[in-house]
Amino acid sequence: MTSRLVVLVSGTGTNLQALIDACADPAYGAEVVAVGADRHGIEALSRADRAGIATFVKRVVDFSTREHWDRAMADSVAGFEPDLIVLAGFMKLVSDDFLARFEDRVVNTHPALSPSFPGMNGPADALAYGAKVTGATLFIVDGGVDTGPIVAQVAVPVVDGEDVETLHERIKAGERTMLVDTVGRMAREGWHVDGRLVRIG
């Protein structure tokens, strides 16, 4: 049975595109059934439109409270009956209520090897610290900042003399491959979370 993916986006959607491309192969085991965003006019939504995928937009400013927005976003996601929700460059935090509704089914990526360098500046923080190896992490989202149980990681060596931009681009390339490979395995084999351990299959 094909797993149903809902992808939430805020930007250009390069990770979304990688998932759409992977899903074109029936052997991948998943289908992107909807793409949700927190703003209009972004390339990620155009990518979904070109692929014939349903889209929805929930802007925080259109709701009286952040809680109302969060509930509306969760309702829209739930309407597509997802097996897995992928936050792909989604720049809003979802609430504990949202996560409880989709328990252990929301994943996100972080451009560092968790638990190192959480937050918005993972590549810059790794460079500033003098790390020799950094990378990307795919994790089950919990109530913390990049603290959820780790599903997969990919290591990226830091090259002497490189800047944040080049390092981040190399991390993103590894991150994209890891995301596509791991989401496919989760779709085909299933997964369960036991404390901090995520087991696929």
N, C-alpha and C. Protein backbone atom coordinates (compact mmCIF):
# COMPACT_ATOMS: atom_id res chain seq x y z
N MET A 1 0.84 -1.19 0.00
CA MET A 1 0.00 0.00 0.00
C MET A 1 0.89 1.25 0.00
N THR A 2 0.54 2.23 -0.78
CA THR A 2 1.34 3.45 -0.89
C THR A 2 1.09 4.36 0.30
N SER A 3 2.16 4.85 0.91
CA SER A 3 2.04 5.77 2.04
C SER A 3 1.70 7.17 1.55
N ARG A 4 0.87 7.85 2.31
CA ARG A 4 0.41 9.18 1.94
C ARG A 4 1.26 10.23 2.67
N LEU A 5 1.87 11.12 1.91
CA LEU A 5 2.71 12.17 2.47
C LEU A 5 2.04 13.53 2.31
N VAL A 6 2.03 14.31 3.38
CA VAL A 6 1.70 15.73 3.31
C VAL A 6 2.99 16.49 3.62
N VAL A 7 3.35 17.41 2.74
CA VAL A 7 4.59 18.17 2.90
C VAL A 7 4.25 19.62 3.20
N LEU A 8 4.84 20.18 4.26
CA LEU A 8 4.62 21.58 4.62
C LEU A 8 5.86 22.38 4.25
N VAL A 9 5.65 23.54 3.61
CA VAL A 9 6.73 24.31 3.00
C VAL A 9 6.57 25.80 3.29
N SER A 10 7.71 26.52 3.14
CA SER A 10 7.66 27.98 3.25
C SER A 10 8.47 28.68 2.17
N GLY A 11 9.18 27.90 1.33
CA GLY A 11 10.13 28.55 0.42
C GLY A 11 10.17 27.94 -0.97
N THR A 12 11.39 27.66 -1.44
CA THR A 12 11.56 27.25 -2.84
C THR A 12 11.16 25.81 -3.10
N GLY A 13 11.24 24.96 -2.09
CA GLY A 13 10.73 23.60 -2.25
C GLY A 13 11.67 22.63 -2.94
N THR A 14 12.99 22.78 -2.75
CA THR A 14 13.91 21.83 -3.38
C THR A 14 13.77 20.43 -2.77
N ASN A 15 13.59 20.34 -1.46
CA ASN A 15 13.36 19.03 -0.85
C ASN A 15 12.01 18.45 -1.28
N LEU A 16 11.02 19.30 -1.39
CA LEU A 16 9.72 18.87 -1.90
C LEU A 16 9.87 18.27 -3.30
N GLN A 17 10.61 18.96 -4.16
CA GLN A 17 10.79 18.48 -5.54
C GLN A 17 11.48 17.13 -5.55
N ALA A 18 12.47 16.96 -4.67
CA ALA A 18 13.16 15.67 -4.60
C ALA A 18 12.19 14.56 -4.21
N LEU A 19 11.27 14.86 -3.28
CA LEU A 19 10.27 13.86 -2.89
C LEU A 19 9.28 13.59 -4.02
N ILE A 20 8.84 14.65 -4.70
CA ILE A 20 7.92 14.46 -5.84
C ILE A 20 8.57 13.57 -6.90
N ASP A 21 9.84 13.86 -7.20
CA ASP A 21 10.56 13.06 -8.21
C ASP A 21 10.67 11.61 -7.79
N ALA A 22 10.98 11.37 -6.51
CA ALA A 22 11.11 10.00 -6.01
C ALA A 22 9.78 9.26 -6.07
N CYS A 23 8.70 9.96 -5.75
CA CYS A 23 7.38 9.33 -5.73
C CYS A 23 6.89 8.93 -7.12
N ALA A 24 7.52 9.46 -8.15
CA ALA A 24 7.13 9.10 -9.52
C ALA A 24 7.43 7.62 -9.81
N ASP A 25 8.33 7.03 -9.03
CA ASP A 25 8.64 5.61 -9.17
C ASP A 25 7.73 4.82 -8.24
N PRO A 26 6.86 3.96 -8.78
CA PRO A 26 5.93 3.21 -7.92
C PRO A 26 6.65 2.40 -6.85
N ALA A 27 7.87 1.98 -7.11
CA ALA A 27 8.62 1.18 -6.14
C ALA A 27 9.01 1.99 -4.91
N TYR A 28 8.94 3.31 -5.00
CA TYR A 28 9.32 4.15 -3.86
C TYR A 28 8.37 3.95 -2.68
N GLY A 29 7.09 3.72 -2.98
CA GLY A 29 6.14 3.35 -1.93
C GLY A 29 5.40 4.51 -1.29
N ALA A 30 5.54 5.72 -1.84
CA ALA A 30 4.87 6.88 -1.23
C ALA A 30 4.33 7.80 -2.31
N GLU A 31 3.39 8.63 -1.90
CA GLU A 31 2.79 9.63 -2.79
C GLU A 31 2.60 10.92 -2.01
N VAL A 32 3.01 12.04 -2.59
CA VAL A 32 2.71 13.34 -1.99
C VAL A 32 1.27 13.68 -2.34
N VAL A 33 0.39 13.64 -1.33
CA VAL A 33 -1.04 13.86 -1.60
C VAL A 33 -1.43 15.33 -1.42
N ALA A 34 -0.61 16.11 -0.71
CA ALA A 34 -0.91 17.53 -0.53
C ALA A 34 0.34 18.27 -0.08
N VAL A 35 0.36 19.55 -0.43
CA VAL A 35 1.43 20.45 0.00
C VAL A 35 0.77 21.65 0.68
N GLY A 36 1.16 21.91 1.92
CA GLY A 36 0.63 23.04 2.66
C GLY A 36 1.70 24.09 2.89
N ALA A 37 1.30 25.35 2.97
CA ALA A 37 2.26 26.44 3.15
C ALA A 37 1.70 27.48 4.12
N ASP A 38 2.61 28.31 4.62
CA ASP A 38 2.20 29.39 5.52
C ASP A 38 2.21 30.74 4.80
N ARG A 39 2.44 30.72 3.48
CA ARG A 39 2.35 31.97 2.70
C ARG A 39 2.10 31.65 1.24
N HIS A 40 1.54 32.62 0.55
CA HIS A 40 1.24 32.48 -0.89
C HIS A 40 2.48 32.85 -1.72
N GLY A 41 2.42 32.50 -3.00
CA GLY A 41 3.38 33.02 -3.97
C GLY A 41 4.79 32.46 -3.87
N ILE A 42 4.94 31.26 -3.31
CA ILE A 42 6.27 30.68 -3.19
C ILE A 42 6.46 29.59 -4.25
N GLU A 43 7.71 29.36 -4.59
CA GLU A 43 8.04 28.39 -5.64
C GLU A 43 7.60 26.98 -5.27
N ALA A 44 7.64 26.65 -3.99
CA ALA A 44 7.22 25.30 -3.58
C ALA A 44 5.78 25.01 -4.00
N LEU A 45 4.90 25.99 -3.86
CA LEU A 45 3.50 25.80 -4.29
C LEU A 45 3.40 25.64 -5.80
N SER A 46 4.23 26.37 -6.52
CA SER A 46 4.26 26.23 -7.99
C SER A 46 4.72 24.82 -8.37
N ARG A 47 5.70 24.31 -7.66
CA ARG A 47 6.16 22.94 -7.93
C ARG A 47 5.01 21.94 -7.73
N ALA A 48 4.25 22.12 -6.65
CA ALA A 48 3.11 21.23 -6.39
C ALA A 48 2.06 21.36 -7.49
N ASP A 49 1.77 22.60 -7.89
CA ASP A 49 0.78 22.83 -8.95
C ASP A 49 1.19 22.13 -10.25
N ARG A 50 2.48 22.27 -10.60
CA ARG A 50 2.97 21.66 -11.84
C ARG A 50 2.86 20.14 -11.79
N ALA A 51 2.95 19.58 -10.58
CA ALA A 51 2.87 18.12 -10.42
C ALA A 51 1.44 17.64 -10.22
N GLY A 52 0.47 18.57 -10.21
CA GLY A 52 -0.92 18.20 -10.03
C GLY A 52 -1.27 17.79 -8.62
N ILE A 53 -0.53 18.32 -7.65
CA ILE A 53 -0.74 17.97 -6.24
C ILE A 53 -1.59 19.05 -5.56
N ALA A 54 -2.54 18.64 -4.75
CA ALA A 54 -3.41 19.57 -4.03
C ALA A 54 -2.57 20.46 -3.11
N THR A 55 -2.95 21.72 -2.98
CA THR A 55 -2.24 22.65 -2.10
C THR A 55 -3.23 23.38 -1.19
N PHE A 56 -2.70 23.86 -0.06
CA PHE A 56 -3.48 24.74 0.82
C PHE A 56 -2.52 25.70 1.50
N VAL A 57 -3.03 26.91 1.81
CA VAL A 57 -2.22 27.94 2.46
C VAL A 57 -2.96 28.43 3.69
N LYS A 58 -2.26 28.45 4.81
CA LYS A 58 -2.80 29.01 6.06
C LYS A 58 -1.79 30.04 6.56
N ARG A 59 -2.14 31.31 6.43
CA ARG A 59 -1.25 32.38 6.90
C ARG A 59 -1.60 32.75 8.33
N VAL A 60 -0.60 32.88 9.17
CA VAL A 60 -0.84 33.21 10.57
C VAL A 60 -1.64 34.51 10.71
N VAL A 61 -1.35 35.49 9.85
CA VAL A 61 -2.01 36.80 9.95
C VAL A 61 -3.51 36.74 9.67
N ASP A 62 -3.97 35.65 9.07
CA ASP A 62 -5.39 35.52 8.76
C ASP A 62 -6.20 34.93 9.91
N PHE A 63 -5.54 34.66 11.04
CA PHE A 63 -6.22 34.04 12.18
C PHE A 63 -6.09 34.93 13.41
N SER A 64 -7.08 34.82 14.28
CA SER A 64 -7.12 35.70 15.45
C SER A 64 -6.04 35.36 16.46
N THR A 65 -5.67 34.09 16.52
CA THR A 65 -4.60 33.67 17.44
C THR A 65 -3.71 32.65 16.76
N ARG A 66 -2.51 32.50 17.30
CA ARG A 66 -1.59 31.48 16.79
C ARG A 66 -2.19 30.09 16.98
N GLU A 67 -2.92 29.89 18.08
CA GLU A 67 -3.55 28.60 18.35
C GLU A 67 -4.60 28.27 17.29
N HIS A 68 -5.36 29.30 16.90
CA HIS A 68 -6.38 29.11 15.86
C HIS A 68 -5.73 28.71 14.55
N TRP A 69 -4.63 29.39 14.21
CA TRP A 69 -3.88 29.04 12.98
C TRP A 69 -3.40 27.60 13.05
N ASP A 70 -2.82 27.23 14.17
CA ASP A 70 -2.25 25.89 14.33
C ASP A 70 -3.34 24.82 14.17
N ARG A 71 -4.49 25.09 14.75
CA ARG A 71 -5.60 24.13 14.67
C ARG A 71 -6.11 24.04 13.22
N ALA A 72 -6.19 25.17 12.54
CA ALA A 72 -6.64 25.16 11.15
C ALA A 72 -5.65 24.42 10.25
N MET A 73 -4.36 24.62 10.51
CA MET A 73 -3.34 23.90 9.75
C MET A 73 -3.47 22.40 10.00
N ALA A 74 -3.64 22.02 11.25
CA ALA A 74 -3.79 20.60 11.59
C ALA A 74 -5.04 20.01 10.93
N ASP A 75 -6.14 20.77 10.92
CA ASP A 75 -7.38 20.29 10.29
C ASP A 75 -7.16 20.04 8.80
N SER A 76 -6.46 20.97 8.14
CA SER A 76 -6.20 20.82 6.71
C SER A 76 -5.33 19.60 6.44
N VAL A 77 -4.29 19.44 7.24
CA VAL A 77 -3.41 18.28 7.09
C VAL A 77 -4.20 16.99 7.30
N ALA A 78 -5.00 16.95 8.36
CA ALA A 78 -5.75 15.74 8.69
C ALA A 78 -6.72 15.35 7.58
N GLY A 79 -7.23 16.35 6.87
CA GLY A 79 -8.16 16.08 5.79
C GLY A 79 -7.58 15.21 4.67
N PHE A 80 -6.25 15.17 4.58
CA PHE A 80 -5.60 14.36 3.54
C PHE A 80 -5.14 13.00 4.07
N GLU A 81 -5.48 12.69 5.32
CA GLU A 81 -5.21 11.38 5.92
C GLU A 81 -3.77 10.93 5.72
N PRO A 82 -2.81 11.73 6.18
CA PRO A 82 -1.41 11.39 5.92
C PRO A 82 -0.89 10.25 6.80
N ASP A 83 -0.01 9.46 6.23
CA ASP A 83 0.76 8.50 7.02
C ASP A 83 2.00 9.16 7.60
N LEU A 84 2.50 10.19 6.89
CA LEU A 84 3.70 10.89 7.33
C LEU A 84 3.61 12.35 6.88
N ILE A 85 4.01 13.25 7.77
CA ILE A 85 4.03 14.69 7.46
C ILE A 85 5.49 15.13 7.46
N VAL A 86 5.91 15.73 6.36
CA VAL A 86 7.29 16.16 6.21
C VAL A 86 7.34 17.68 6.24
N LEU A 87 8.07 18.23 7.22
CA LEU A 87 8.32 19.66 7.26
C LEU A 87 9.56 19.91 6.40
N ALA A 88 9.36 20.50 5.23
CA ALA A 88 10.45 20.67 4.26
C ALA A 88 10.70 22.17 4.08
N GLY A 89 11.55 22.71 4.97
CA GLY A 89 11.77 24.15 4.92
C GLY A 89 10.57 24.93 5.41
N PHE A 90 9.80 24.33 6.31
CA PHE A 90 8.61 25.00 6.87
C PHE A 90 9.07 25.85 8.04
N MET A 91 8.87 27.16 7.94
CA MET A 91 9.49 28.09 8.89
C MET A 91 8.58 28.50 10.04
N LYS A 92 7.62 27.67 10.35
CA LYS A 92 6.77 27.91 11.52
C LYS A 92 6.86 26.72 12.47
N LEU A 93 6.79 27.00 13.75
CA LEU A 93 6.73 25.93 14.74
C LEU A 93 5.29 25.47 14.89
N VAL A 94 5.10 24.17 14.94
CA VAL A 94 3.76 23.64 15.22
C VAL A 94 3.66 23.31 16.71
N SER A 95 2.45 23.29 17.21
CA SER A 95 2.23 23.17 18.65
C SER A 95 2.28 21.72 19.12
N ASP A 96 2.30 21.56 20.43
CA ASP A 96 2.20 20.22 21.01
C ASP A 96 0.87 19.56 20.64
N ASP A 97 -0.19 20.36 20.54
CA ASP A 97 -1.49 19.81 20.14
C ASP A 97 -1.43 19.24 18.73
N PHE A 98 -0.78 19.98 17.82
CA PHE A 98 -0.58 19.51 16.44
C PHE A 98 0.17 18.18 16.46
N LEU A 99 1.27 18.13 17.22
CA LEU A 99 2.10 16.93 17.24
C LEU A 99 1.35 15.76 17.87
N ALA A 100 0.54 16.03 18.89
CA ALA A 100 -0.22 14.95 19.53
C ALA A 100 -1.23 14.35 18.56
N ARG A 101 -1.76 15.18 17.69
CA ARG A 101 -2.75 14.72 16.72
C ARG A 101 -2.14 13.78 15.69
N PHE A 102 -0.85 13.99 15.41
CA PHE A 102 -0.15 13.16 14.42
C PHE A 102 1.07 12.50 15.09
N GLU A 103 0.80 11.77 16.13
CA GLU A 103 1.87 11.28 17.01
C GLU A 103 2.92 10.48 16.24
N ASP A 104 4.18 10.89 16.37
CA ASP A 104 5.34 10.22 15.76
C ASP A 104 5.26 10.16 14.24
N ARG A 105 4.45 11.06 13.65
CA ARG A 105 4.30 11.03 12.18
C ARG A 105 4.76 12.34 11.53
N VAL A 106 5.40 13.22 12.31
CA VAL A 106 5.89 14.49 11.76
C VAL A 106 7.42 14.46 11.79
N VAL A 107 8.05 14.63 10.62
CA VAL A 107 9.51 14.64 10.56
C VAL A 107 10.01 15.97 10.00
N ASN A 108 11.23 16.29 10.40
CA ASN A 108 11.87 17.52 9.94
C ASN A 108 13.36 17.24 9.78
N THR A 109 14.05 18.10 9.05
CA THR A 109 15.49 17.99 8.92
C THR A 109 16.16 19.18 9.60
N HIS A 110 17.41 18.96 10.02
CA HIS A 110 18.20 20.03 10.63
C HIS A 110 19.61 19.96 10.04
N PRO A 111 20.18 21.11 9.62
CA PRO A 111 21.50 21.09 8.96
C PRO A 111 22.66 21.03 9.95
N ALA A 112 22.65 20.02 10.79
CA ALA A 112 23.75 19.73 11.72
C ALA A 112 23.53 18.31 12.22
N LEU A 113 24.55 17.76 12.89
CA LEU A 113 24.42 16.43 13.48
C LEU A 113 23.91 16.59 14.91
N SER A 114 22.61 16.45 15.08
CA SER A 114 22.01 16.59 16.41
C SER A 114 22.64 15.58 17.36
N PRO A 115 22.83 15.93 18.64
CA PRO A 115 22.30 17.13 19.31
C PRO A 115 23.19 18.37 19.19
N SER A 116 24.21 18.35 18.35
CA SER A 116 25.05 19.53 18.19
C SER A 116 24.34 20.63 17.41
N PHE A 117 24.62 21.88 17.76
CA PHE A 117 24.25 23.06 16.98
C PHE A 117 22.77 23.13 16.59
N PRO A 118 21.86 23.10 17.59
CA PRO A 118 20.44 23.27 17.29
C PRO A 118 20.14 24.71 16.88
N GLY A 119 18.94 24.93 16.36
CA GLY A 119 18.53 26.30 16.02
C GLY A 119 18.76 26.65 14.57
N MET A 120 18.66 27.93 14.28
CA MET A 120 18.61 28.42 12.90
C MET A 120 19.96 28.45 12.20
N ASN A 121 21.07 28.39 12.95
CA ASN A 121 22.38 28.68 12.35
C ASN A 121 23.34 27.50 12.44
N GLY A 122 22.85 26.29 12.22
CA GLY A 122 23.66 25.10 12.36
C GLY A 122 24.98 25.13 11.60
N PRO A 123 24.99 25.43 10.30
CA PRO A 123 26.25 25.45 9.56
C PRO A 123 27.22 26.52 10.07
N ALA A 124 26.72 27.70 10.34
CA ALA A 124 27.58 28.77 10.85
C ALA A 124 28.14 28.41 12.22
N ASP A 125 27.30 27.82 13.07
CA ASP A 125 27.76 27.44 14.40
C ASP A 125 28.84 26.36 14.33
N ALA A 126 28.67 25.41 13.41
CA ALA A 126 29.67 24.36 13.25
C ALA A 126 31.01 24.94 12.80
N LEU A 127 30.95 25.88 11.85
CA LEU A 127 32.17 26.53 11.38
C LEU A 127 32.84 27.31 12.51
N ALA A 128 32.05 28.08 13.23
CA ALA A 128 32.59 28.93 14.29
C ALA A 128 33.22 28.08 15.40
N TYR A 129 32.68 26.90 15.62
CA TYR A 129 33.17 26.03 16.69
C TYR A 129 34.45 25.30 16.28
N GLY A 130 34.71 25.29 14.97
CA GLY A 130 35.86 24.56 14.47
C GLY A 130 35.61 23.08 14.27
N ALA A 131 34.34 22.69 14.11
CA ALA A 131 34.01 21.29 13.87
C ALA A 131 34.66 20.80 12.57
N LYS A 132 35.15 19.58 12.57
CA LYS A 132 35.76 18.99 11.37
C LYS A 132 34.74 18.21 10.55
N VAL A 133 33.66 17.80 11.22
CA VAL A 133 32.58 17.08 10.55
C VAL A 133 31.25 17.65 11.05
N THR A 134 30.36 17.93 10.13
CA THR A 134 29.00 18.30 10.50
C THR A 134 28.08 17.47 9.61
N GLY A 135 26.88 17.94 9.32
CA GLY A 135 26.00 17.14 8.48
C GLY A 135 24.56 17.53 8.63
N ALA A 136 23.68 16.56 8.50
CA ALA A 136 22.24 16.82 8.59
C ALA A 136 21.57 15.68 9.34
N THR A 137 20.46 16.01 9.97
CA THR A 137 19.71 15.06 10.79
C THR A 137 18.24 15.07 10.38
N LEU A 138 17.66 13.89 10.25
CA LEU A 138 16.21 13.75 10.09
C LEU A 138 15.67 13.25 11.41
N PHE A 139 14.66 13.93 11.95
CA PHE A 139 14.17 13.58 13.28
C PHE A 139 12.65 13.65 13.35
N ILE A 140 12.11 12.90 14.32
CA ILE A 140 10.69 12.99 14.64
C ILE A 140 10.50 14.27 15.45
N VAL A 141 9.60 15.14 15.03
CA VAL A 141 9.44 16.43 15.69
C VAL A 141 8.79 16.24 17.06
N ASP A 142 9.39 16.90 18.07
CA ASP A 142 8.77 16.95 19.39
C ASP A 142 8.62 18.41 19.79
N GLY A 143 8.36 18.68 21.05
CA GLY A 143 8.09 20.04 21.49
C GLY A 143 9.32 20.93 21.61
N GLY A 144 10.51 20.38 21.45
CA GLY A 144 11.74 21.16 21.57
C GLY A 144 12.22 21.70 20.23
N VAL A 145 13.39 22.33 20.25
CA VAL A 145 14.00 22.86 19.03
C VAL A 145 15.04 21.85 18.54
N ASP A 146 14.71 21.13 17.49
CA ASP A 146 15.61 20.14 16.89
C ASP A 146 16.04 19.07 17.90
N THR A 147 15.12 18.68 18.78
CA THR A 147 15.46 17.76 19.86
C THR A 147 14.82 16.39 19.72
N GLY A 148 14.00 16.17 18.70
CA GLY A 148 13.23 14.94 18.61
C GLY A 148 14.09 13.71 18.34
N PRO A 149 13.52 12.52 18.52
CA PRO A 149 14.24 11.28 18.25
C PRO A 149 14.78 11.24 16.83
N ILE A 150 16.03 10.80 16.71
CA ILE A 150 16.73 10.84 15.43
C ILE A 150 16.35 9.64 14.57
N VAL A 151 15.96 9.92 13.32
CA VAL A 151 15.61 8.87 12.37
C VAL A 151 16.83 8.49 11.52
N ALA A 152 17.56 9.51 11.05
CA ALA A 152 18.72 9.27 10.18
C ALA A 152 19.66 10.46 10.26
N GLN A 153 20.93 10.23 9.97
CA GLN A 153 21.90 11.31 9.90
C GLN A 153 22.86 11.05 8.75
N VAL A 154 23.40 12.14 8.21
CA VAL A 154 24.43 12.05 7.17
C VAL A 154 25.57 12.99 7.57
N ALA A 155 26.80 12.50 7.46
CA ALA A 155 27.96 13.30 7.84
C ALA A 155 28.50 14.05 6.62
N VAL A 156 28.92 15.30 6.86
CA VAL A 156 29.52 16.13 5.81
C VAL A 156 30.82 16.71 6.38
N PRO A 157 31.97 16.41 5.79
CA PRO A 157 33.22 16.96 6.30
C PRO A 157 33.30 18.47 6.06
N VAL A 158 33.90 19.17 7.00
CA VAL A 158 34.12 20.61 6.86
C VAL A 158 35.47 20.81 6.16
N VAL A 159 35.47 21.57 5.07
CA VAL A 159 36.68 21.81 4.29
C VAL A 159 37.37 23.06 4.82
N ASP A 160 38.67 22.97 5.03
CA ASP A 160 39.43 24.13 5.52
C ASP A 160 39.22 25.34 4.61
N GLY A 161 38.90 26.47 5.22
CA GLY A 161 38.81 27.72 4.48
C GLY A 161 37.48 27.98 3.80
N GLU A 162 36.53 27.05 3.90
CA GLU A 162 35.25 27.30 3.22
C GLU A 162 34.38 28.24 4.06
N ASP A 163 33.39 28.85 3.39
CA ASP A 163 32.50 29.76 4.10
C ASP A 163 31.17 29.07 4.40
N VAL A 164 30.34 29.78 5.14
CA VAL A 164 29.07 29.20 5.57
C VAL A 164 28.21 28.79 4.38
N GLU A 165 28.19 29.61 3.35
CA GLU A 165 27.32 29.34 2.20
C GLU A 165 27.69 28.04 1.50
N THR A 166 29.00 27.83 1.25
CA THR A 166 29.40 26.61 0.54
C THR A 166 29.17 25.39 1.43
N LEU A 167 29.45 25.52 2.72
CA LEU A 167 29.20 24.41 3.64
C LEU A 167 27.72 24.06 3.67
N HIS A 168 26.87 25.09 3.77
CA HIS A 168 25.43 24.85 3.84
C HIS A 168 24.92 24.18 2.57
N GLU A 169 25.45 24.58 1.41
CA GLU A 169 25.02 23.95 0.15
C GLU A 169 25.39 22.47 0.14
N ARG A 170 26.57 22.14 0.64
CA ARG A 170 26.96 20.73 0.66
C ARG A 170 26.14 19.95 1.67
N ILE A 171 25.82 20.58 2.80
CA ILE A 171 24.94 19.93 3.77
C ILE A 171 23.56 19.68 3.16
N LYS A 172 23.04 20.67 2.44
CA LYS A 172 21.70 20.53 1.84
C LYS A 172 21.66 19.39 0.83
N ALA A 173 22.75 19.20 0.09
CA ALA A 173 22.79 18.09 -0.88
C ALA A 173 22.71 16.75 -0.16
N GLY A 174 23.46 16.61 0.92
CA GLY A 174 23.40 15.38 1.70
C GLY A 174 22.06 15.20 2.37
N GLU A 175 21.53 16.30 2.88
CA GLU A 175 20.23 16.29 3.55
C GLU A 175 19.12 15.79 2.61
N ARG A 176 19.16 16.27 1.38
CA ARG A 176 18.12 15.91 0.40
C ARG A 176 18.14 14.41 0.12
N THR A 177 19.34 13.88 -0.10
CA THR A 177 19.47 12.44 -0.37
C THR A 177 19.01 11.62 0.83
N MET A 178 19.44 12.03 2.03
CA MET A 178 19.03 11.33 3.25
C MET A 178 17.52 11.37 3.42
N LEU A 179 16.90 12.53 3.19
CA LEU A 179 15.46 12.68 3.35
C LEU A 179 14.72 11.74 2.41
N VAL A 180 15.08 11.76 1.15
CA VAL A 180 14.39 10.93 0.15
C VAL A 180 14.57 9.44 0.46
N ASP A 181 15.80 9.05 0.76
CA ASP A 181 16.06 7.64 1.04
C ASP A 181 15.30 7.17 2.28
N THR A 182 15.33 7.99 3.34
CA THR A 182 14.75 7.56 4.61
C THR A 182 13.22 7.59 4.57
N VAL A 183 12.64 8.63 3.97
CA VAL A 183 11.17 8.67 3.85
C VAL A 183 10.68 7.47 3.04
N GLY A 184 11.42 7.11 2.00
CA GLY A 184 11.05 5.93 1.22
C GLY A 184 11.07 4.66 2.06
N ARG A 185 12.11 4.52 2.89
CA ARG A 185 12.18 3.34 3.77
C ARG A 185 11.03 3.35 4.77
N MET A 186 10.74 4.51 5.34
CA MET A 186 9.64 4.60 6.30
C MET A 186 8.32 4.23 5.63
N ALA A 187 8.15 4.69 4.40
CA ALA A 187 6.91 4.42 3.66
C ALA A 187 6.76 2.92 3.37
N ARG A 188 7.86 2.30 2.97
CA ARG A 188 7.80 0.89 2.56
C ARG A 188 7.81 -0.07 3.74
N GLU A 189 8.56 0.28 4.79
CA GLU A 189 8.81 -0.69 5.86
C GLU A 189 8.09 -0.36 7.17
N GLY A 190 7.59 0.87 7.30
CA GLY A 190 6.99 1.30 8.56
C GLY A 190 8.05 1.66 9.57
N TRP A 191 7.64 2.23 10.70
CA TRP A 191 8.58 2.62 11.74
C TRP A 191 7.86 2.69 13.07
N HIS A 192 8.63 2.63 14.14
CA HIS A 192 8.05 2.91 15.45
C HIS A 192 9.09 3.58 16.32
N VAL A 193 8.60 4.35 17.27
CA VAL A 193 9.46 5.14 18.16
C VAL A 193 9.38 4.53 19.55
N ASP A 194 10.55 4.24 20.10
CA ASP A 194 10.65 3.66 21.45
C ASP A 194 11.59 4.57 22.25
N GLY A 195 11.00 5.51 22.99
CA GLY A 195 11.82 6.49 23.70
C GLY A 195 12.55 7.36 22.70
N ARG A 196 13.89 7.33 22.73
CA ARG A 196 14.67 8.12 21.78
C ARG A 196 15.09 7.30 20.56
N LEU A 197 14.70 6.03 20.53
CA LEU A 197 15.10 5.18 19.41
C LEU A 197 13.98 5.11 18.38
N VAL A 198 14.35 5.34 17.12
CA VAL A 198 13.41 5.18 16.01
C VAL A 198 13.85 3.97 15.21
N ARG A 199 12.97 3.00 15.10
CA ARG A 199 13.29 1.77 14.35
C ARG A 199 12.44 1.72 13.08
N ILE A 200 13.11 1.58 11.96
CA ILE A 200 12.44 1.42 10.67
C ILE A 200 12.34 -0.06 10.37
N GLY A 201 11.13 -0.48 9.96
CA GLY A 201 10.95 -1.89 9.65
C GLY A 201 10.44 -2.69 10.84
